[in-house]
Amino acid sequence: MKHNRFFGKSTLTIMLGLLIACPLNALADNAWSYHQESDSLTNQTYSFAQSPLPQPGLYDDMMLEIICKENKLQAVIDTDDLIASQGSRFSLEYQIDKKTPVTIQMKTFPDSKRKGYTEEFAKRMADDLLTGQAVFIRVNTMIRKALSSSIPLDNAAEPIKHVFADCGLNSSSNATSEPAYSLVEFEQEFSKLGVDQQQQILAKIKKIMVEIR
């Protein structure tokens, strides 16, 4: 009887320990992380913010990385599946929360069919990642298969901003934005112009209005 009570208490203690540990492990697996590594070819140190892997069975295994290498910012997608032949262009679509999806062009690395990058759209994508709670990614591969993944963003800010700092960049959310040009300001400046200049501006405004109708 005493043995049964002891066994029951021991089992309860172990189960409680597992319940406590599981959420912590899940949180750790769900977190973005910051890393510094050395390039074996150049011996130069580079840094990157790395996303967690998606939940097993729900999405394709894809990771995002925001990299500062040789003082250049890169956005990198790393997958377990073929994307395109080495050095080939492909499209990646990403959607932050329920915002309008954005399509960008990436290029596979010269030595990889499963990993692609962009420098041209890296800053825009990284800034967008700082504005939401999750990003949904879709890649159309060379075999006409669509790879998709959903990556949490609630803990991505610190690693990404650390990479920005390494590259001497600021996030757009921290940058001071100019106020929108108001109608009052326009009318004040317009009234100071000569008649000919006013007519030229009105002609341009008319052309713009026709184009956007």
N, C-alpha and C. Protein backbone atom coordinates (compact mmCIF):
# COMPACT_ATOMS: atom_id res chain seq x y z
N MET A 1 0.83 -1.20 0.00
CA MET A 1 0.00 0.00 0.00
C MET A 1 0.86 1.26 0.00
N LYS A 2 1.90 1.21 0.88
CA LYS A 2 2.83 2.34 0.92
C LYS A 2 3.55 2.46 -0.41
N HIS A 3 3.89 1.29 -0.98
CA HIS A 3 4.59 1.28 -2.26
C HIS A 3 3.74 1.93 -3.35
N ASN A 4 2.44 1.62 -3.35
CA ASN A 4 1.54 2.20 -4.34
C ASN A 4 1.42 3.71 -4.20
N ARG A 5 1.36 4.18 -2.94
CA ARG A 5 1.27 5.63 -2.72
C ARG A 5 2.55 6.33 -3.19
N PHE A 6 3.69 5.69 -2.92
CA PHE A 6 4.97 6.28 -3.33
C PHE A 6 5.07 6.34 -4.85
N PHE A 7 4.64 5.22 -5.47
CA PHE A 7 4.68 5.16 -6.94
C PHE A 7 3.77 6.22 -7.55
N GLY A 8 2.60 6.40 -6.94
CA GLY A 8 1.67 7.40 -7.44
C GLY A 8 2.21 8.80 -7.33
N LYS A 9 2.86 9.13 -6.21
CA LYS A 9 3.44 10.47 -6.02
C LYS A 9 4.60 10.70 -6.98
N SER A 10 5.42 9.66 -7.18
CA SER A 10 6.56 9.79 -8.09
C SER A 10 6.08 10.02 -9.52
N THR A 11 5.06 9.26 -9.92
CA THR A 11 4.51 9.42 -11.27
C THR A 11 3.93 10.81 -11.47
N LEU A 12 3.22 11.30 -10.45
CA LEU A 12 2.62 12.63 -10.53
C LEU A 12 3.69 13.70 -10.66
N THR A 13 4.79 13.52 -9.90
CA THR A 13 5.89 14.49 -9.95
C THR A 13 6.51 14.54 -11.34
N ILE A 14 6.72 13.35 -11.94
CA ILE A 14 7.31 13.28 -13.28
C ILE A 14 6.39 13.93 -14.31
N MET A 15 5.09 13.64 -14.20
CA MET A 15 4.12 14.19 -15.16
C MET A 15 4.06 15.71 -15.05
N LEU A 16 4.09 16.23 -13.82
CA LEU A 16 4.07 17.67 -13.64
C LEU A 16 5.32 18.30 -14.24
N GLY A 17 6.45 17.62 -14.04
CA GLY A 17 7.70 18.12 -14.61
C GLY A 17 7.65 18.19 -16.12
N LEU A 18 7.07 17.17 -16.75
CA LEU A 18 6.94 17.16 -18.21
C LEU A 18 6.01 18.25 -18.70
N LEU A 19 4.90 18.47 -17.98
CA LEU A 19 3.95 19.51 -18.37
C LEU A 19 4.58 20.88 -18.29
N ILE A 20 5.42 21.08 -17.29
CA ILE A 20 6.09 22.37 -17.15
C ILE A 20 7.14 22.56 -18.23
N ALA A 21 7.87 21.48 -18.55
CA ALA A 21 8.97 21.57 -19.50
C ALA A 21 8.48 21.73 -20.93
N CYS A 22 7.38 21.08 -21.29
CA CYS A 22 6.90 21.10 -22.68
C CYS A 22 6.61 22.49 -23.21
N PRO A 23 5.87 23.36 -22.50
CA PRO A 23 5.62 24.70 -23.02
C PRO A 23 6.91 25.48 -23.22
N LEU A 24 7.89 25.28 -22.32
CA LEU A 24 9.14 26.00 -22.46
C LEU A 24 9.89 25.54 -23.69
N ASN A 25 9.90 24.22 -23.95
CA ASN A 25 10.57 23.72 -25.14
C ASN A 25 9.86 24.19 -26.39
N ALA A 26 8.51 24.19 -26.35
CA ALA A 26 7.75 24.65 -27.51
C ALA A 26 8.04 26.10 -27.81
N LEU A 27 8.17 26.91 -26.76
CA LEU A 27 8.48 28.33 -26.95
C LEU A 27 9.85 28.50 -27.56
N ALA A 28 10.83 27.70 -27.06
CA ALA A 28 12.19 27.81 -27.57
C ALA A 28 12.25 27.42 -29.04
N ASP A 29 11.50 26.34 -29.42
CA ASP A 29 11.48 25.90 -30.80
C ASP A 29 10.76 26.89 -31.70
N ASN A 30 9.97 27.76 -31.12
CA ASN A 30 9.14 28.69 -31.87
C ASN A 30 9.81 30.06 -32.02
N ALA A 31 11.03 30.19 -31.58
CA ALA A 31 11.68 31.50 -31.49
C ALA A 31 12.67 31.74 -32.63
N TRP A 32 12.71 32.98 -33.08
CA TRP A 32 13.79 33.42 -33.96
C TRP A 32 15.07 33.50 -33.14
N SER A 33 16.21 33.39 -33.81
CA SER A 33 17.48 33.41 -33.09
C SER A 33 18.53 34.20 -33.88
N TYR A 34 19.50 34.74 -33.16
CA TYR A 34 20.58 35.52 -33.76
C TYR A 34 21.87 34.70 -33.70
N HIS A 35 22.63 34.70 -34.81
CA HIS A 35 23.86 33.91 -34.87
C HIS A 35 24.97 34.71 -35.53
N GLN A 36 26.18 34.35 -35.18
CA GLN A 36 27.38 34.86 -35.86
C GLN A 36 28.24 33.67 -36.25
N GLU A 37 28.65 33.63 -37.51
CA GLU A 37 29.49 32.54 -37.99
C GLU A 37 30.60 33.10 -38.87
N SER A 38 31.58 32.25 -39.18
CA SER A 38 32.69 32.66 -40.02
C SER A 38 32.63 31.94 -41.36
N ASP A 39 32.80 32.68 -42.45
CA ASP A 39 32.82 32.09 -43.78
C ASP A 39 34.14 31.37 -43.98
N SER A 40 34.07 30.08 -44.28
CA SER A 40 35.30 29.28 -44.42
C SER A 40 36.14 29.71 -45.63
N LEU A 41 35.51 30.32 -46.63
CA LEU A 41 36.24 30.74 -47.82
C LEU A 41 36.95 32.07 -47.64
N THR A 42 36.31 33.00 -46.95
CA THR A 42 36.86 34.35 -46.81
C THR A 42 37.38 34.65 -45.40
N ASN A 43 37.04 33.77 -44.45
CA ASN A 43 37.39 33.99 -43.03
C ASN A 43 36.75 35.25 -42.45
N GLN A 44 35.70 35.74 -43.10
CA GLN A 44 34.99 36.90 -42.60
C GLN A 44 33.77 36.48 -41.80
N THR A 45 33.53 37.20 -40.71
CA THR A 45 32.38 36.89 -39.87
C THR A 45 31.11 37.52 -40.46
N TYR A 46 30.04 36.78 -40.42
CA TYR A 46 28.75 37.32 -40.85
C TYR A 46 27.71 36.95 -39.80
N SER A 47 26.61 37.67 -39.80
CA SER A 47 25.56 37.44 -38.81
C SER A 47 24.23 37.21 -39.50
N PHE A 48 23.32 36.52 -38.81
CA PHE A 48 22.01 36.28 -39.39
C PHE A 48 20.96 36.02 -38.32
N ALA A 49 19.75 36.44 -38.64
CA ALA A 49 18.58 36.12 -37.83
C ALA A 49 17.88 34.96 -38.52
N GLN A 50 17.60 33.90 -37.75
CA GLN A 50 17.06 32.68 -38.33
C GLN A 50 15.69 32.37 -37.74
N SER A 51 14.75 32.03 -38.61
CA SER A 51 13.40 31.69 -38.17
C SER A 51 13.35 30.27 -37.64
N PRO A 52 12.32 29.95 -36.87
CA PRO A 52 12.12 28.54 -36.47
C PRO A 52 11.54 27.75 -37.63
N LEU A 53 11.61 26.43 -37.54
CA LEU A 53 10.95 25.56 -38.50
C LEU A 53 9.46 25.51 -38.20
N PRO A 54 8.64 25.28 -39.21
CA PRO A 54 7.19 25.18 -38.95
C PRO A 54 6.87 23.91 -38.18
N GLN A 55 5.65 23.83 -37.69
CA GLN A 55 5.22 22.64 -36.97
C GLN A 55 5.22 21.43 -37.91
N PRO A 56 5.77 20.30 -37.46
CA PRO A 56 5.87 19.11 -38.32
C PRO A 56 4.50 18.66 -38.82
N GLY A 57 4.43 18.33 -40.10
CA GLY A 57 3.21 17.78 -40.67
C GLY A 57 2.23 18.81 -41.19
N LEU A 58 2.34 20.07 -40.75
CA LEU A 58 1.39 21.09 -41.18
C LEU A 58 1.87 21.82 -42.43
N TYR A 59 3.17 22.09 -42.52
CA TYR A 59 3.72 22.85 -43.63
C TYR A 59 5.02 22.20 -44.10
N ASP A 60 5.51 22.70 -45.24
CA ASP A 60 6.81 22.26 -45.73
C ASP A 60 7.91 22.86 -44.87
N ASP A 61 9.02 22.14 -44.77
CA ASP A 61 10.15 22.61 -43.96
C ASP A 61 10.88 23.73 -44.70
N MET A 62 10.63 24.95 -44.29
CA MET A 62 11.32 26.11 -44.86
C MET A 62 11.70 27.06 -43.73
N MET A 63 12.89 27.61 -43.84
CA MET A 63 13.34 28.60 -42.86
C MET A 63 13.71 29.89 -43.58
N LEU A 64 13.46 31.00 -42.91
CA LEU A 64 13.88 32.31 -43.40
C LEU A 64 15.11 32.76 -42.62
N GLU A 65 15.99 33.45 -43.32
CA GLU A 65 17.16 34.06 -42.66
C GLU A 65 17.34 35.47 -43.20
N ILE A 66 17.61 36.40 -42.31
CA ILE A 66 18.00 37.76 -42.69
C ILE A 66 19.47 37.87 -42.34
N ILE A 67 20.31 38.07 -43.37
CA ILE A 67 21.76 37.94 -43.21
C ILE A 67 22.46 39.26 -43.50
N CYS A 68 23.46 39.57 -42.70
CA CYS A 68 24.39 40.67 -43.00
C CYS A 68 25.74 40.05 -43.32
N LYS A 69 26.12 40.11 -44.60
CA LYS A 69 27.38 39.51 -45.03
C LYS A 69 28.12 40.48 -45.93
N GLU A 70 29.37 40.75 -45.59
CA GLU A 70 30.17 41.72 -46.33
C GLU A 70 29.45 43.06 -46.40
N ASN A 71 28.79 43.41 -45.30
CA ASN A 71 28.07 44.67 -45.16
C ASN A 71 26.90 44.81 -46.13
N LYS A 72 26.39 43.68 -46.61
CA LYS A 72 25.21 43.67 -47.48
C LYS A 72 24.12 42.84 -46.82
N LEU A 73 22.89 43.29 -46.96
CA LEU A 73 21.76 42.58 -46.37
C LEU A 73 21.17 41.61 -47.38
N GLN A 74 20.90 40.39 -46.93
CA GLN A 74 20.28 39.38 -47.77
C GLN A 74 19.08 38.78 -47.04
N ALA A 75 18.05 38.44 -47.79
CA ALA A 75 16.96 37.61 -47.28
C ALA A 75 17.11 36.26 -47.95
N VAL A 76 17.12 35.20 -47.14
CA VAL A 76 17.41 33.86 -47.65
C VAL A 76 16.29 32.90 -47.28
N ILE A 77 15.88 32.06 -48.22
CA ILE A 77 14.93 30.99 -47.96
C ILE A 77 15.67 29.67 -48.07
N ASP A 78 15.52 28.81 -47.07
CA ASP A 78 16.22 27.53 -47.01
C ASP A 78 15.17 26.42 -46.89
N THR A 79 15.17 25.48 -47.83
CA THR A 79 14.14 24.44 -47.85
C THR A 79 14.78 23.05 -47.92
N ASP A 80 13.95 22.03 -47.68
CA ASP A 80 14.37 20.64 -47.83
C ASP A 80 14.03 20.10 -49.21
N ASP A 81 13.34 20.90 -50.02
CA ASP A 81 12.90 20.46 -51.34
C ASP A 81 13.58 21.27 -52.44
N LEU A 82 13.56 20.71 -53.65
CA LEU A 82 14.12 21.41 -54.80
C LEU A 82 13.29 22.64 -55.12
N ILE A 83 13.97 23.76 -55.37
CA ILE A 83 13.29 24.99 -55.79
C ILE A 83 13.50 25.20 -57.29
N ALA A 84 14.76 25.32 -57.67
CA ALA A 84 15.13 25.53 -59.08
C ALA A 84 16.59 25.13 -59.24
N SER A 85 17.05 25.04 -60.48
CA SER A 85 18.45 24.71 -60.71
C SER A 85 19.34 25.83 -60.18
N GLN A 86 20.61 25.51 -59.97
CA GLN A 86 21.53 26.47 -59.37
C GLN A 86 21.59 27.77 -60.18
N GLY A 87 21.59 28.88 -59.46
CA GLY A 87 21.71 30.18 -60.11
C GLY A 87 20.49 30.60 -60.89
N SER A 88 19.32 30.01 -60.60
CA SER A 88 18.10 30.33 -61.35
C SER A 88 17.18 31.24 -60.55
N ARG A 89 16.43 32.05 -61.26
CA ARG A 89 15.48 32.94 -60.61
C ARG A 89 14.17 32.20 -60.33
N PHE A 90 13.51 32.61 -59.25
CA PHE A 90 12.21 32.06 -58.92
C PHE A 90 11.43 33.10 -58.12
N SER A 91 10.13 32.90 -58.03
CA SER A 91 9.27 33.84 -57.31
C SER A 91 8.94 33.31 -55.93
N LEU A 92 8.94 34.21 -54.98
CA LEU A 92 8.51 33.89 -53.61
C LEU A 92 7.42 34.88 -53.23
N GLU A 93 6.33 34.36 -52.72
CA GLU A 93 5.22 35.20 -52.26
C GLU A 93 5.14 35.12 -50.74
N TYR A 94 5.06 36.28 -50.10
CA TYR A 94 4.90 36.27 -48.65
C TYR A 94 3.75 37.19 -48.25
N GLN A 95 3.09 36.81 -47.17
CA GLN A 95 1.95 37.57 -46.67
C GLN A 95 2.08 37.73 -45.17
N ILE A 96 2.13 38.98 -44.71
CA ILE A 96 2.19 39.27 -43.29
C ILE A 96 0.77 39.34 -42.73
N ASP A 97 0.46 38.47 -41.79
CA ASP A 97 -0.90 38.41 -41.22
C ASP A 97 -1.93 38.35 -42.36
N LYS A 98 -2.87 39.30 -42.38
CA LYS A 98 -3.90 39.30 -43.43
C LYS A 98 -3.70 40.45 -44.41
N LYS A 99 -2.49 40.98 -44.47
CA LYS A 99 -2.19 42.07 -45.40
C LYS A 99 -2.09 41.53 -46.83
N THR A 100 -2.00 42.45 -47.77
CA THR A 100 -1.89 42.06 -49.18
C THR A 100 -0.61 41.28 -49.42
N PRO A 101 -0.67 40.12 -50.09
CA PRO A 101 0.54 39.35 -50.37
C PRO A 101 1.52 40.14 -51.24
N VAL A 102 2.80 39.88 -51.04
CA VAL A 102 3.86 40.54 -51.80
C VAL A 102 4.66 39.46 -52.54
N THR A 103 4.91 39.67 -53.82
CA THR A 103 5.71 38.73 -54.61
C THR A 103 7.06 39.36 -54.93
N ILE A 104 8.12 38.64 -54.64
CA ILE A 104 9.47 39.13 -54.92
C ILE A 104 10.24 38.08 -55.71
N GLN A 105 11.30 38.52 -56.37
CA GLN A 105 12.16 37.61 -57.11
C GLN A 105 13.37 37.23 -56.27
N MET A 106 13.67 35.95 -56.26
CA MET A 106 14.86 35.44 -55.60
C MET A 106 15.69 34.65 -56.60
N LYS A 107 16.86 34.21 -56.16
CA LYS A 107 17.76 33.45 -57.03
C LYS A 107 18.42 32.36 -56.21
N THR A 108 18.44 31.14 -56.73
CA THR A 108 19.12 30.08 -56.00
C THR A 108 20.62 30.34 -56.00
N PHE A 109 21.28 29.86 -54.97
CA PHE A 109 22.73 30.02 -54.87
C PHE A 109 23.42 29.19 -55.96
N PRO A 110 24.64 29.57 -56.36
CA PRO A 110 25.34 28.83 -57.42
C PRO A 110 25.59 27.36 -57.09
N ASP A 111 25.58 27.02 -55.78
CA ASP A 111 25.89 25.66 -55.37
C ASP A 111 24.69 24.95 -54.71
N SER A 112 23.48 25.49 -54.92
CA SER A 112 22.33 24.90 -54.24
C SER A 112 21.06 25.02 -55.08
N LYS A 113 20.25 23.95 -55.04
CA LYS A 113 18.93 23.97 -55.67
C LYS A 113 17.82 24.14 -54.63
N ARG A 114 18.20 24.20 -53.37
CA ARG A 114 17.23 24.22 -52.28
C ARG A 114 17.27 25.50 -51.45
N LYS A 115 18.12 26.40 -51.86
CA LYS A 115 18.33 27.61 -51.07
C LYS A 115 18.44 28.82 -51.99
N GLY A 116 17.65 29.88 -51.71
CA GLY A 116 17.66 31.06 -52.56
C GLY A 116 17.82 32.33 -51.74
N TYR A 117 18.14 33.42 -52.43
CA TYR A 117 18.39 34.69 -51.74
C TYR A 117 17.98 35.87 -52.59
N THR A 118 17.84 37.02 -51.94
CA THR A 118 17.68 38.29 -52.62
C THR A 118 18.38 39.37 -51.81
N GLU A 119 19.05 40.24 -52.51
CA GLU A 119 19.60 41.44 -51.88
C GLU A 119 18.70 42.63 -52.20
N GLU A 120 18.13 42.62 -53.41
CA GLU A 120 17.30 43.74 -53.86
C GLU A 120 16.08 43.96 -52.97
N PHE A 121 15.43 42.88 -52.55
CA PHE A 121 14.21 43.00 -51.76
C PHE A 121 14.42 42.65 -50.28
N ALA A 122 15.68 42.49 -49.87
CA ALA A 122 15.96 42.04 -48.50
C ALA A 122 15.47 43.03 -47.45
N LYS A 123 15.76 44.31 -47.65
CA LYS A 123 15.39 45.31 -46.65
C LYS A 123 13.87 45.44 -46.55
N ARG A 124 13.21 45.46 -47.69
CA ARG A 124 11.75 45.57 -47.68
C ARG A 124 11.12 44.39 -46.95
N MET A 125 11.59 43.19 -47.27
CA MET A 125 11.02 42.00 -46.64
C MET A 125 11.29 42.01 -45.14
N ALA A 126 12.53 42.34 -44.75
CA ALA A 126 12.87 42.36 -43.33
C ALA A 126 12.04 43.39 -42.57
N ASP A 127 11.84 44.56 -43.17
CA ASP A 127 11.00 45.58 -42.53
C ASP A 127 9.57 45.07 -42.36
N ASP A 128 9.07 44.37 -43.39
CA ASP A 128 7.71 43.84 -43.33
C ASP A 128 7.58 42.80 -42.21
N LEU A 129 8.63 42.01 -42.01
CA LEU A 129 8.60 40.98 -40.98
C LEU A 129 8.44 41.58 -39.58
N LEU A 130 8.84 42.84 -39.43
CA LEU A 130 8.76 43.50 -38.12
C LEU A 130 7.37 44.06 -37.82
N THR A 131 6.45 43.92 -38.78
CA THR A 131 5.15 44.58 -38.62
C THR A 131 4.00 43.64 -38.27
N GLY A 132 4.26 42.34 -38.15
CA GLY A 132 3.15 41.42 -37.94
C GLY A 132 3.42 40.34 -36.92
N GLN A 133 2.49 39.41 -36.85
CA GLN A 133 2.57 38.29 -35.91
C GLN A 133 2.99 36.99 -36.58
N ALA A 134 2.77 36.89 -37.89
CA ALA A 134 3.15 35.68 -38.62
C ALA A 134 3.30 36.02 -40.10
N VAL A 135 4.12 35.22 -40.79
CA VAL A 135 4.30 35.40 -42.24
C VAL A 135 4.03 34.06 -42.91
N PHE A 136 3.20 34.11 -43.96
CA PHE A 136 2.92 32.92 -44.76
C PHE A 136 3.73 33.02 -46.04
N ILE A 137 4.45 31.95 -46.38
CA ILE A 137 5.36 31.96 -47.52
C ILE A 137 4.96 30.87 -48.51
N ARG A 138 5.02 31.22 -49.81
CA ARG A 138 4.74 30.24 -50.85
C ARG A 138 5.81 30.35 -51.94
N VAL A 139 6.34 29.20 -52.35
CA VAL A 139 7.36 29.14 -53.40
C VAL A 139 6.91 28.12 -54.45
N ASN A 140 6.89 28.51 -55.71
CA ASN A 140 6.60 27.58 -56.80
C ASN A 140 7.93 27.01 -57.30
N THR A 141 8.05 25.68 -57.28
CA THR A 141 9.33 25.05 -57.57
C THR A 141 9.44 24.64 -59.05
N MET A 142 10.62 24.12 -59.40
CA MET A 142 10.91 23.72 -60.77
C MET A 142 10.05 22.53 -61.21
N ILE A 143 9.52 21.77 -60.27
CA ILE A 143 8.67 20.63 -60.62
C ILE A 143 7.19 20.99 -60.45
N ARG A 144 6.91 22.29 -60.45
CA ARG A 144 5.53 22.82 -60.37
C ARG A 144 4.84 22.44 -59.07
N LYS A 145 5.63 22.26 -58.04
CA LYS A 145 5.06 22.00 -56.72
C LYS A 145 5.14 23.29 -55.91
N ALA A 146 4.09 23.60 -55.20
CA ALA A 146 4.08 24.80 -54.36
C ALA A 146 4.49 24.42 -52.95
N LEU A 147 5.56 25.04 -52.47
CA LEU A 147 5.98 24.87 -51.08
C LEU A 147 5.39 26.00 -50.27
N SER A 148 4.87 25.69 -49.10
CA SER A 148 4.28 26.73 -48.27
C SER A 148 4.64 26.52 -46.81
N SER A 149 4.66 27.62 -46.09
CA SER A 149 4.99 27.54 -44.67
C SER A 149 4.45 28.78 -43.96
N SER A 150 4.12 28.62 -42.69
CA SER A 150 3.70 29.73 -41.85
C SER A 150 4.70 29.86 -40.71
N ILE A 151 5.29 31.05 -40.58
CA ILE A 151 6.35 31.26 -39.60
C ILE A 151 5.93 32.35 -38.62
N PRO A 152 6.00 32.09 -37.31
CA PRO A 152 5.64 33.11 -36.33
C PRO A 152 6.65 34.25 -36.32
N LEU A 153 6.18 35.47 -35.99
CA LEU A 153 7.03 36.66 -36.00
C LEU A 153 7.03 37.40 -34.67
N ASP A 154 6.31 36.88 -33.69
CA ASP A 154 6.16 37.64 -32.45
C ASP A 154 7.47 37.82 -31.68
N ASN A 155 8.50 37.04 -32.00
CA ASN A 155 9.78 37.20 -31.32
C ASN A 155 10.92 37.43 -32.32
N ALA A 156 10.58 37.97 -33.50
CA ALA A 156 11.58 38.15 -34.55
C ALA A 156 12.29 39.49 -34.49
N ALA A 157 11.72 40.46 -33.79
CA ALA A 157 12.23 41.84 -33.86
C ALA A 157 13.67 41.97 -33.39
N GLU A 158 13.98 41.42 -32.22
CA GLU A 158 15.32 41.61 -31.67
C GLU A 158 16.42 41.02 -32.55
N PRO A 159 16.30 39.75 -33.02
CA PRO A 159 17.34 39.21 -33.89
C PRO A 159 17.49 39.98 -35.21
N ILE A 160 16.35 40.37 -35.82
CA ILE A 160 16.42 41.07 -37.10
C ILE A 160 17.05 42.46 -36.92
N LYS A 161 16.66 43.17 -35.87
CA LYS A 161 17.24 44.50 -35.63
C LYS A 161 18.72 44.40 -35.29
N HIS A 162 19.13 43.30 -34.68
CA HIS A 162 20.55 43.08 -34.40
C HIS A 162 21.33 42.96 -35.71
N VAL A 163 20.76 42.24 -36.67
CA VAL A 163 21.38 42.10 -37.99
C VAL A 163 21.41 43.45 -38.71
N PHE A 164 20.32 44.22 -38.61
CA PHE A 164 20.31 45.57 -39.17
C PHE A 164 21.48 46.39 -38.63
N ALA A 165 21.66 46.33 -37.32
CA ALA A 165 22.74 47.10 -36.69
C ALA A 165 24.10 46.66 -37.21
N ASP A 166 24.27 45.37 -37.43
CA ASP A 166 25.55 44.86 -37.96
C ASP A 166 25.82 45.42 -39.35
N CYS A 167 24.76 45.69 -40.11
CA CYS A 167 24.91 46.22 -41.46
C CYS A 167 24.79 47.75 -41.50
N GLY A 168 24.67 48.38 -40.33
CA GLY A 168 24.55 49.83 -40.27
C GLY A 168 23.23 50.35 -40.79
N LEU A 169 22.16 49.55 -40.61
CA LEU A 169 20.84 49.93 -41.11
C LEU A 169 19.88 50.17 -39.96
N ASN A 170 18.83 50.91 -40.24
CA ASN A 170 17.74 51.12 -39.29
C ASN A 170 16.47 50.49 -39.85
N SER A 171 15.62 50.01 -38.97
CA SER A 171 14.33 49.50 -39.43
C SER A 171 13.44 50.68 -39.78
N SER A 172 12.57 50.48 -40.77
CA SER A 172 11.69 51.56 -41.20
C SER A 172 10.77 52.02 -40.09
N SER A 173 10.44 51.09 -39.17
CA SER A 173 9.53 51.43 -38.08
C SER A 173 10.17 52.42 -37.12
N ASN A 174 11.52 52.45 -37.11
CA ASN A 174 12.22 53.38 -36.22
C ASN A 174 12.59 54.68 -36.92
N ALA A 175 12.50 54.67 -38.22
CA ALA A 175 12.91 55.85 -38.96
C ALA A 175 11.85 56.93 -38.84
N THR A 176 12.30 58.17 -38.83
CA THR A 176 11.37 59.29 -38.75
C THR A 176 10.76 59.53 -40.12
N SER A 177 9.47 59.36 -40.22
CA SER A 177 8.80 59.53 -41.51
C SER A 177 8.27 60.96 -41.65
N GLU A 178 8.31 61.47 -42.88
CA GLU A 178 7.83 62.81 -43.14
C GLU A 178 6.31 62.81 -43.14
N PRO A 179 5.68 63.87 -42.63
CA PRO A 179 4.21 63.92 -42.65
C PRO A 179 3.70 64.01 -44.08
N ALA A 180 2.49 63.52 -44.30
CA ALA A 180 1.90 63.56 -45.63
C ALA A 180 1.70 65.01 -46.09
N TYR A 181 1.84 65.22 -47.39
CA TYR A 181 1.66 66.54 -47.97
C TYR A 181 0.17 66.87 -47.97
N SER A 182 -0.22 67.90 -47.26
CA SER A 182 -1.64 68.20 -47.07
C SER A 182 -2.17 69.13 -48.15
N LEU A 183 -3.50 69.14 -48.27
CA LEU A 183 -4.15 70.02 -49.24
C LEU A 183 -3.94 71.48 -48.87
N VAL A 184 -3.90 71.78 -47.59
CA VAL A 184 -3.68 73.16 -47.13
C VAL A 184 -2.31 73.66 -47.58
N GLU A 185 -1.28 72.78 -47.41
CA GLU A 185 0.07 73.16 -47.85
C GLU A 185 0.12 73.39 -49.35
N PHE A 186 -0.59 72.52 -50.09
CA PHE A 186 -0.61 72.65 -51.54
C PHE A 186 -1.23 73.98 -51.95
N GLU A 187 -2.36 74.32 -51.36
CA GLU A 187 -3.06 75.55 -51.71
C GLU A 187 -2.20 76.78 -51.39
N GLN A 188 -1.49 76.73 -50.24
CA GLN A 188 -0.64 77.85 -49.87
C GLN A 188 0.50 78.05 -50.86
N GLU A 189 1.14 76.94 -51.26
CA GLU A 189 2.26 77.03 -52.20
C GLU A 189 1.78 77.33 -53.62
N PHE A 190 0.60 76.79 -53.96
CA PHE A 190 0.05 77.01 -55.29
C PHE A 190 -0.28 78.48 -55.51
N SER A 191 -0.78 79.13 -54.47
CA SER A 191 -1.17 80.53 -54.58
C SER A 191 0.02 81.46 -54.79
N LYS A 192 1.21 81.00 -54.45
CA LYS A 192 2.41 81.83 -54.59
C LYS A 192 3.00 81.75 -56.00
N LEU A 193 2.49 80.86 -56.83
CA LEU A 193 3.04 80.67 -58.16
C LEU A 193 2.40 81.62 -59.16
N GLY A 194 3.11 81.84 -60.26
CA GLY A 194 2.57 82.65 -61.34
C GLY A 194 1.47 81.90 -62.08
N VAL A 195 0.75 82.63 -62.93
CA VAL A 195 -0.37 82.04 -63.65
C VAL A 195 0.09 80.90 -64.56
N ASP A 196 1.19 81.10 -65.28
CA ASP A 196 1.69 80.07 -66.18
C ASP A 196 2.07 78.80 -65.42
N GLN A 197 2.75 78.96 -64.28
CA GLN A 197 3.14 77.80 -63.47
C GLN A 197 1.91 77.06 -62.93
N GLN A 198 0.91 77.83 -62.52
CA GLN A 198 -0.32 77.21 -62.02
C GLN A 198 -0.99 76.38 -63.11
N GLN A 199 -1.01 76.92 -64.33
CA GLN A 199 -1.63 76.20 -65.45
C GLN A 199 -0.87 74.90 -65.75
N GLN A 200 0.46 74.95 -65.66
CA GLN A 200 1.27 73.76 -65.90
C GLN A 200 0.97 72.68 -64.86
N ILE A 201 0.88 73.09 -63.60
CA ILE A 201 0.60 72.13 -62.52
C ILE A 201 -0.80 71.55 -62.66
N LEU A 202 -1.78 72.41 -62.99
CA LEU A 202 -3.15 71.92 -63.16
C LEU A 202 -3.24 70.93 -64.31
N ALA A 203 -2.47 71.17 -65.37
CA ALA A 203 -2.47 70.24 -66.50
C ALA A 203 -1.91 68.87 -66.08
N LYS A 204 -0.86 68.90 -65.24
CA LYS A 204 -0.27 67.64 -64.76
C LYS A 204 -1.24 66.90 -63.83
N ILE A 205 -1.92 67.66 -62.96
CA ILE A 205 -2.88 67.04 -62.06
C ILE A 205 -4.03 66.42 -62.85
N LYS A 206 -4.49 67.12 -63.89
CA LYS A 206 -5.57 66.59 -64.73
C LYS A 206 -5.15 65.27 -65.38
N LYS A 207 -3.90 65.21 -65.84
CA LYS A 207 -3.39 64.00 -66.48
C LYS A 207 -3.35 62.84 -65.48
N ILE A 208 -2.92 63.13 -64.27
CA ILE A 208 -2.85 62.11 -63.23
C ILE A 208 -4.24 61.58 -62.88
N MET A 209 -5.20 62.50 -62.77
CA MET A 209 -6.56 62.11 -62.43
C MET A 209 -7.18 61.23 -63.50
N VAL A 210 -6.86 61.53 -64.76
CA VAL A 210 -7.38 60.71 -65.86
C VAL A 210 -6.79 59.30 -65.80
N GLU A 211 -5.50 59.21 -65.46
CA GLU A 211 -4.81 57.90 -65.43
C GLU A 211 -5.31 57.01 -64.32
N ILE A 212 -5.71 57.61 -63.18
CA ILE A 212 -6.13 56.77 -62.05
C ILE A 212 -7.61 56.46 -62.02
N ARG A 213 -8.37 57.02 -62.93
CA ARG A 213 -9.81 56.73 -62.99
C ARG A 213 -10.06 55.32 -63.49
